[in-house]
Amino acid sequence: LLLGQFDQAGEMARVRLKGLGDDEYLWE
C-alpha cells in the first residue's frame, strides 16, 4: 500500500515537472 501510494504520487509529479525551465525553477 505504501509503495503504491509513493508510485502514484511519483507518476503525477513527473508529469507536473515536465518542461521546468531555469527561470521558473528559481522564480521568487
PDB file of all heavy atoms in Angstrom:
ATOM      1  N   LEU A   1       0.824  -1.206   0.000  1.00  0.00           N
ATOM      2  CA  LEU A   1       0.000   0.000   0.000  1.00  0.00           C
ATOM      3  C   LEU A   1       0.860   1.258   0.000  1.00  0.00           C
ATOM      4  O   LEU A   1       0.579   2.220  -0.727  1.00  0.00           O
ATOM      5  CB  LEU A   1      -0.929  -0.009   1.215  1.00  0.00           C
ATOM      6  CG  LEU A   1      -2.101  -0.991   1.166  1.00  0.00           C
ATOM      7  CD1 LEU A   1      -2.796  -1.037   2.517  1.00  0.00           C
ATOM      8  CD2 LEU A   1      -3.094  -0.593   0.079  1.00  0.00           C
ATOM      9  N   LEU A   2       1.921   1.247   0.804  1.00  0.00           N
ATOM     10  CA  LEU A   2       2.783   2.423   0.877  1.00  0.00           C
ATOM     11  C   LEU A   2       3.566   2.626  -0.420  1.00  0.00           C
ATOM     12  O   LEU A   2       3.751   3.762  -0.885  1.00  0.00           O
ATOM     13  CB  LEU A   2       3.731   2.306   2.068  1.00  0.00           C
ATOM     14  CG  LEU A   2       3.052   2.467   3.438  1.00  0.00           C
ATOM     15  CD1 LEU A   2       3.992   2.043   4.558  1.00  0.00           C
ATOM     16  CD2 LEU A   2       2.584   3.908   3.649  1.00  0.00           C
ATOM     17  N   LEU A   3       4.030   1.537  -1.016  1.00  0.00           N
ATOM     18  CA  LEU A   3       4.732   1.654  -2.292  1.00  0.00           C
ATOM     19  C   LEU A   3       3.783   2.132  -3.389  1.00  0.00           C
ATOM     20  O   LEU A   3       4.162   2.940  -4.244  1.00  0.00           O
ATOM     21  CB  LEU A   3       5.346   0.305  -2.682  1.00  0.00           C
ATOM     22  CG  LEU A   3       6.539  -0.172  -1.852  1.00  0.00           C
ATOM     23  CD1 LEU A   3       7.015  -1.534  -2.347  1.00  0.00           C
ATOM     24  CD2 LEU A   3       7.676   0.830  -1.891  1.00  0.00           C
ATOM     25  N   GLY A   4       2.559   1.617  -3.384  1.00  0.00           N
ATOM     26  CA  GLY A   4       1.584   2.051  -4.374  1.00  0.00           C
ATOM     27  C   GLY A   4       1.281   3.532  -4.248  1.00  0.00           C
ATOM     28  O   GLY A   4       1.165   4.250  -5.257  1.00  0.00           O
ATOM     29  N   GLN A   5       1.158   4.004  -3.025  1.00  0.00           N
ATOM     30  CA  GLN A   5       0.921   5.419  -2.780  1.00  0.00           C
ATOM     31  C   GLN A   5       2.085   6.258  -3.296  1.00  0.00           C
ATOM     32  O   GLN A   5       1.897   7.282  -3.965  1.00  0.00           O
ATOM     33  CB  GLN A   5       0.724   5.630  -1.279  1.00  0.00           C
ATOM     34  CG  GLN A   5       0.424   7.052  -0.855  1.00  0.00           C
ATOM     35  CD  GLN A   5       0.377   7.184   0.659  1.00  0.00           C
ATOM     36  OE1 GLN A   5       1.375   6.931   1.341  1.00  0.00           O
ATOM     37  NE2 GLN A   5      -0.777   7.555   1.183  1.00  0.00           N
ATOM     38  N   PHE A   6       3.308   5.815  -2.992  1.00  0.00           N
ATOM     39  CA  PHE A   6       4.505   6.536  -3.432  1.00  0.00           C
ATOM     40  C   PHE A   6       4.612   6.544  -4.951  1.00  0.00           C
ATOM     41  O   PHE A   6       4.932   7.569  -5.560  1.00  0.00           O
ATOM     42  CB  PHE A   6       5.747   5.883  -2.817  1.00  0.00           C
ATOM     43  CG  PHE A   6       7.029   6.583  -3.137  1.00  0.00           C
ATOM     44  CD1 PHE A   6       7.381   7.762  -2.499  1.00  0.00           C
ATOM     45  CD2 PHE A   6       7.909   6.060  -4.076  1.00  0.00           C
ATOM     46  CE1 PHE A   6       8.567   8.419  -2.785  1.00  0.00           C
ATOM     47  CE2 PHE A   6       9.095   6.704  -4.376  1.00  0.00           C
ATOM     48  CZ  PHE A   6       9.434   7.879  -3.730  1.00  0.00           C
ATOM     49  N   ASP A   7       4.329   5.406  -5.586  1.00  0.00           N
ATOM     50  CA  ASP A   7       4.426   5.310  -7.035  1.00  0.00           C
ATOM     51  C   ASP A   7       3.430   6.237  -7.727  1.00  0.00           C
ATOM     52  O   ASP A   7       3.767   6.909  -8.709  1.00  0.00           O
ATOM     53  CB  ASP A   7       4.170   3.869  -7.490  1.00  0.00           C
ATOM     54  CG  ASP A   7       5.305   2.926  -7.129  1.00  0.00           C
ATOM     55  OD1 ASP A   7       6.399   3.418  -6.810  1.00  0.00           O
ATOM     56  OD2 ASP A   7       5.086   1.696  -7.161  1.00  0.00           O
ATOM     57  N   GLN A   8       2.206   6.271  -7.219  1.00  0.00           N
ATOM     58  CA  GLN A   8       1.200   7.127  -7.834  1.00  0.00           C
ATOM     59  C   GLN A   8       1.574   8.597  -7.695  1.00  0.00           C
ATOM     60  O   GLN A   8       1.460   9.374  -8.652  1.00  0.00           O
ATOM     61  CB  GLN A   8      -0.169   6.881  -7.216  1.00  0.00           C
ATOM     62  CG  GLN A   8      -1.286   7.682  -7.896  1.00  0.00           C
ATOM     63  CD  GLN A   8      -2.672   7.316  -7.378  1.00  0.00           C
ATOM     64  OE1 GLN A   8      -2.800   6.535  -6.435  1.00  0.00           O
ATOM     65  NE2 GLN A   8      -3.691   7.880  -7.986  1.00  0.00           N
ATOM     66  N   ALA A   9       2.041   8.982  -6.503  1.00  0.00           N
ATOM     67  CA  ALA A   9       2.468  10.366  -6.303  1.00  0.00           C
ATOM     68  C   ALA A   9       3.644  10.710  -7.218  1.00  0.00           C
ATOM     69  O   ALA A   9       3.719  11.809  -7.771  1.00  0.00           O
ATOM     70  CB  ALA A   9       2.850  10.592  -4.845  1.00  0.00           C
ATOM     71  N   GLY A  10       4.570   9.751  -7.389  1.00  0.00           N
ATOM     72  CA  GLY A  10       5.722   9.984  -8.245  1.00  0.00           C
ATOM     73  C   GLY A  10       5.347  10.145  -9.706  1.00  0.00           C
ATOM     74  O   GLY A  10       5.893  11.002 -10.412  1.00  0.00           O
ATOM     75  N   GLU A  11       4.401   9.331 -10.168  1.00  0.00           N
ATOM     76  CA  GLU A  11       3.955   9.433 -11.563  1.00  0.00           C
ATOM     77  C   GLU A  11       3.322  10.796 -11.821  1.00  0.00           C
ATOM     78  O   GLU A  11       3.580  11.434 -12.858  1.00  0.00           O
ATOM     79  CB  GLU A  11       2.959   8.316 -11.859  1.00  0.00           C
ATOM     80  CG  GLU A  11       3.582   6.930 -11.924  1.00  0.00           C
ATOM     81  CD  GLU A  11       2.543   5.823 -11.986  1.00  0.00           C
ATOM     82  OE1 GLU A  11       1.330   6.158 -12.084  1.00  0.00           O
ATOM     83  OE2 GLU A  11       2.924   4.644 -11.923  1.00  0.00           O
ATOM     84  N   MET A  12       2.500  11.244 -10.897  1.00  0.00           N
ATOM     85  CA  MET A  12       1.866  12.551 -11.049  1.00  0.00           C
ATOM     86  C   MET A  12       2.907  13.667 -11.021  1.00  0.00           C
ATOM     87  O   MET A  12       2.829  14.630 -11.799  1.00  0.00           O
ATOM     88  CB  MET A  12       0.839  12.753  -9.930  1.00  0.00           C
ATOM     89  CG  MET A  12      -0.337  11.781  -9.990  1.00  0.00           C
ATOM     90  SD  MET A  12      -1.376  11.833  -8.495  1.00  0.00           S
ATOM     91  CE  MET A  12      -2.047  13.493  -8.609  1.00  0.00           C
ATOM     92  N   ALA A  13       3.901  13.538 -10.150  1.00  0.00           N
ATOM     93  CA  ALA A  13       4.928  14.573 -10.036  1.00  0.00           C
ATOM     94  C   ALA A  13       5.776  14.662 -11.297  1.00  0.00           C
ATOM     95  O   ALA A  13       6.130  15.759 -11.743  1.00  0.00           O
ATOM     96  CB  ALA A  13       5.810  14.285  -8.828  1.00  0.00           C
ATOM     97  N   ARG A  14       6.118  13.526 -11.877  1.00  0.00           N
ATOM     98  CA  ARG A  14       6.943  13.549 -13.091  1.00  0.00           C
ATOM     99  C   ARG A  14       6.214  14.270 -14.221  1.00  0.00           C
ATOM    100  O   ARG A  14       6.832  15.009 -15.008  1.00  0.00           O
ATOM    101  CB  ARG A  14       7.315  12.121 -13.496  1.00  0.00           C
ATOM    102  CG  ARG A  14       8.339  11.469 -12.570  1.00  0.00           C
ATOM    103  CD  ARG A  14       8.617  10.024 -12.978  1.00  0.00           C
ATOM    104  NE  ARG A  14       9.330   9.285 -11.959  1.00  0.00           N
ATOM    105  CZ  ARG A  14      10.650   9.079 -11.934  1.00  0.00           C
ATOM    106  NH1 ARG A  14      11.402   9.590 -12.897  1.00  0.00           N
ATOM    107  NH2 ARG A  14      11.213   8.381 -10.958  1.00  0.00           N
ATOM    108  N   VAL A  15       4.911  14.053 -14.316  1.00  0.00           N
ATOM    109  CA  VAL A  15       4.122  14.740 -15.342  1.00  0.00           C
ATOM    110  C   VAL A  15       4.104  16.243 -15.075  1.00  0.00           C
ATOM    111  O   VAL A  15       4.310  17.061 -15.977  1.00  0.00           O
ATOM    112  CB  VAL A  15       2.686  14.178 -15.383  1.00  0.00           C
ATOM    113  CG1 VAL A  15       1.798  15.037 -16.290  1.00  0.00           C
ATOM    114  CG2 VAL A  15       2.693  12.742 -15.884  1.00  0.00           C
ATOM    115  N   ARG A  16       3.882  16.614 -13.813  1.00  0.00           N
ATOM    116  CA  ARG A  16       3.761  18.024 -13.466  1.00  0.00           C
ATOM    117  C   ARG A  16       5.086  18.782 -13.604  1.00  0.00           C
ATOM    118  O   ARG A  16       5.097  19.997 -13.753  1.00  0.00           O
ATOM    119  CB  ARG A  16       3.246  18.156 -12.030  1.00  0.00           C
ATOM    120  CG  ARG A  16       1.795  17.816 -11.854  1.00  0.00           C
ATOM    121  CD  ARG A  16       0.898  18.851 -12.531  1.00  0.00           C
ATOM    122  NE  ARG A  16       0.544  19.920 -11.612  1.00  0.00           N
ATOM    123  CZ  ARG A  16       0.467  21.199 -11.941  1.00  0.00           C
ATOM    124  NH1 ARG A  16       0.760  21.585 -13.167  1.00  0.00           N
ATOM    125  NH2 ARG A  16       0.105  22.113 -11.069  1.00  0.00           N
ATOM    126  N   LEU A  17       6.216  18.067 -13.545  1.00  0.00           N
ATOM    127  CA  LEU A  17       7.517  18.731 -13.602  1.00  0.00           C
ATOM    128  C   LEU A  17       8.115  18.771 -15.003  1.00  0.00           C
ATOM    129  O   LEU A  17       9.192  19.333 -15.193  1.00  0.00           O
ATOM    130  CB  LEU A  17       8.482  18.054 -12.628  1.00  0.00           C
ATOM    131  CG  LEU A  17       8.293  18.478 -11.167  1.00  0.00           C
ATOM    132  CD1 LEU A  17       9.024  17.531 -10.227  1.00  0.00           C
ATOM    133  CD2 LEU A  17       8.753  19.899 -10.943  1.00  0.00           C
ATOM    134  N   LYS A  18       7.430  18.195 -15.981  1.00  0.00           N
ATOM    135  CA  LYS A  18       7.939  18.242 -17.349  1.00  0.00           C
ATOM    136  C   LYS A  18       8.007  19.687 -17.840  1.00  0.00           C
ATOM    137  O   LYS A  18       7.117  20.490 -17.603  1.00  0.00           O
ATOM    138  CB  LYS A  18       7.033  17.429 -18.272  1.00  0.00           C
ATOM    139  CG  LYS A  18       7.220  15.929 -18.146  1.00  0.00           C
ATOM    140  CD  LYS A  18       6.380  15.174 -19.163  1.00  0.00           C
ATOM    141  CE  LYS A  18       6.616  13.673 -19.074  1.00  0.00           C
ATOM    142  NZ  LYS A  18       5.760  12.927 -20.046  1.00  0.00           N
ATOM    143  N   GLY A  19       9.109  20.003 -18.523  1.00  0.00           N
ATOM    144  CA  GLY A  19       9.247  21.332 -19.106  1.00  0.00           C
ATOM    145  C   GLY A  19       9.693  22.410 -18.139  1.00  0.00           C
ATOM    146  O   GLY A  19       9.683  23.596 -18.481  1.00  0.00           O
ATOM    147  N   LEU A  20      10.123  22.033 -16.944  1.00  0.00           N
ATOM    148  CA  LEU A  20      10.564  23.034 -15.963  1.00  0.00           C
ATOM    149  C   LEU A  20      11.845  23.705 -16.449  1.00  0.00           C
ATOM    150  O   LEU A  20      12.857  23.056 -16.691  1.00  0.00           O
ATOM    151  CB  LEU A  20      10.803  22.367 -14.607  1.00  0.00           C
ATOM    152  CG  LEU A  20      11.252  23.289 -13.466  1.00  0.00           C
ATOM    153  CD1 LEU A  20      10.153  24.281 -13.117  1.00  0.00           C
ATOM    154  CD2 LEU A  20      11.653  22.461 -12.244  1.00  0.00           C
ATOM    155  N   GLY A  21      11.802  25.024 -16.576  1.00  0.00           N
ATOM    156  CA  GLY A  21      12.967  25.780 -17.018  1.00  0.00           C
ATOM    157  C   GLY A  21      13.674  26.461 -15.867  1.00  0.00           C
ATOM    158  O   GLY A  21      13.144  26.562 -14.753  1.00  0.00           O
ATOM    159  N   ASP A  22      14.863  26.963 -16.128  1.00  0.00           N
ATOM    160  CA  ASP A  22      15.676  27.559 -15.066  1.00  0.00           C
ATOM    161  C   ASP A  22      15.017  28.793 -14.451  1.00  0.00           C
ATOM    162  O   ASP A  22      15.061  28.982 -13.230  1.00  0.00           O
ATOM    163  CB  ASP A  22      17.058  27.932 -15.607  1.00  0.00           C
ATOM    164  CG  ASP A  22      17.883  26.725 -16.000  1.00  0.00           C
ATOM    165  OD1 ASP A  22      17.480  25.596 -15.662  1.00  0.00           O
ATOM    166  OD2 ASP A  22      18.932  26.908 -16.652  1.00  0.00           O
ATOM    167  N   ASP A  23      14.415  29.648 -15.281  1.00  0.00           N
ATOM    168  CA  ASP A  23      13.797  30.867 -14.749  1.00  0.00           C
ATOM    169  C   ASP A  23      12.658  30.527 -13.798  1.00  0.00           C
ATOM    170  O   ASP A  23      12.516  31.148 -12.737  1.00  0.00           O
ATOM    171  CB  ASP A  23      13.284  31.751 -15.885  1.00  0.00           C
ATOM    172  CG  ASP A  23      14.405  32.418 -16.671  1.00  0.00           C
ATOM    173  OD1 ASP A  23      15.546  32.445 -16.166  1.00  0.00           O
ATOM    174  OD2 ASP A  23      14.143  32.906 -17.782  1.00  0.00           O
ATOM    175  N   GLU A  24      11.844  29.573 -14.190  1.00  0.00           N
ATOM    176  CA  GLU A  24      10.727  29.167 -13.347  1.00  0.00           C
ATOM    177  C   GLU A  24      11.226  28.478 -12.078  1.00  0.00           C
ATOM    178  O   GLU A  24      10.701  28.705 -10.976  1.00  0.00           O
ATOM    179  CB  GLU A  24       9.814  28.223 -14.129  1.00  0.00           C
ATOM    180  CG  GLU A  24       8.592  27.760 -13.365  1.00  0.00           C
ATOM    181  CD  GLU A  24       7.723  26.812 -14.171  1.00  0.00           C
ATOM    182  OE1 GLU A  24       8.099  26.464 -15.317  1.00  0.00           O
ATOM    183  OE2 GLU A  24       6.670  26.397 -13.645  1.00  0.00           O
ATOM    184  N   TYR A  25      12.212  27.644 -12.226  1.00  0.00           N
ATOM    185  CA  TYR A  25      12.806  26.897 -11.117  1.00  0.00           C
ATOM    186  C   TYR A  25      13.314  27.830 -10.015  1.00  0.00           C
ATOM    187  O   TYR A  25      13.151  27.567  -8.823  1.00  0.00           O
ATOM    188  CB  TYR A  25      13.935  26.051 -11.699  1.00  0.00           C
ATOM    189  CG  TYR A  25      14.861  25.333 -10.779  1.00  0.00           C
ATOM    190  CD1 TYR A  25      14.440  24.246 -10.011  1.00  0.00           C
ATOM    191  CD2 TYR A  25      16.218  25.689 -10.722  1.00  0.00           C
ATOM    192  CE1 TYR A  25      15.330  23.555  -9.193  1.00  0.00           C
ATOM    193  CE2 TYR A  25      17.110  25.001  -9.919  1.00  0.00           C
ATOM    194  CZ  TYR A  25      16.663  23.938  -9.153  1.00  0.00           C
ATOM    195  OH  TYR A  25      17.548  23.243  -8.359  1.00  0.00           O
ATOM    196  N   LEU A  26      13.891  28.962 -10.413  1.00  0.00           N
ATOM    197  CA  LEU A  26      14.482  29.909  -9.461  1.00  0.00           C
ATOM    198  C   LEU A  26      13.580  31.105  -9.152  1.00  0.00           C
ATOM    199  O   LEU A  26      13.967  31.982  -8.371  1.00  0.00           O
ATOM    200  CB  LEU A  26      15.818  30.420 -10.001  1.00  0.00           C
ATOM    201  CG  LEU A  26      16.931  29.372 -10.136  1.00  0.00           C
ATOM    202  CD1 LEU A  26      18.094  29.936 -10.934  1.00  0.00           C
ATOM    203  CD2 LEU A  26      17.399  28.891  -8.771  1.00  0.00           C
ATOM    204  N   TRP A  27      12.391  31.136  -9.720  1.00  0.00           N
ATOM    205  CA  TRP A  27      11.483  32.272  -9.548  1.00  0.00           C
ATOM    206  C   TRP A  27      11.092  32.456  -8.089  1.00  0.00           C
ATOM    207  O   TRP A  27      10.703  31.514  -7.408  1.00  0.00           O
ATOM    208  CB  TRP A  27      10.237  32.060 -10.395  1.00  0.00           C
ATOM    209  CG  TRP A  27       9.152  33.080 -10.184  1.00  0.00           C
ATOM    210  CD1 TRP A  27       9.241  34.424 -10.369  1.00  0.00           C
ATOM    211  CD2 TRP A  27       7.811  32.811  -9.734  1.00  0.00           C
ATOM    212  NE1 TRP A  27       8.033  35.034 -10.069  1.00  0.00           N
ATOM    213  CE2 TRP A  27       7.142  34.058  -9.683  1.00  0.00           C
ATOM    214  CE3 TRP A  27       7.124  31.653  -9.398  1.00  0.00           C
ATOM    215  CZ2 TRP A  27       5.811  34.174  -9.296  1.00  0.00           C
ATOM    216  CZ3 TRP A  27       5.797  31.755  -9.009  1.00  0.00           C
ATOM    217  CH2 TRP A  27       5.161  33.002  -8.959  1.00  0.00           C
ATOM    218  N   GLU A  28      11.205  33.693  -7.599  1.00  0.00           N
ATOM    219  CA  GLU A  28      10.821  34.024  -6.233  1.00  0.00           C
ATOM    220  C   GLU A  28       9.429  34.652  -6.232  1.00  0.00           C
ATOM    221  O   GLU A  28       9.260  35.786  -6.693  1.00  0.00           O
ATOM    222  CB  GLU A  28      11.844  34.967  -5.599  1.00  0.00           C
ATOM    223  CG  GLU A  28      13.233  34.350  -5.474  1.00  0.00           C
ATOM    224  CD  GLU A  28      14.178  35.183  -4.613  1.00  0.00           C
ATOM    225  OE1 GLU A  28      13.675  35.972  -3.782  1.00  0.00           O
ATOM    226  OE2 GLU A  28      15.396  35.025  -4.765  1.00  0.00           O
TER     227      GLU A  28
END
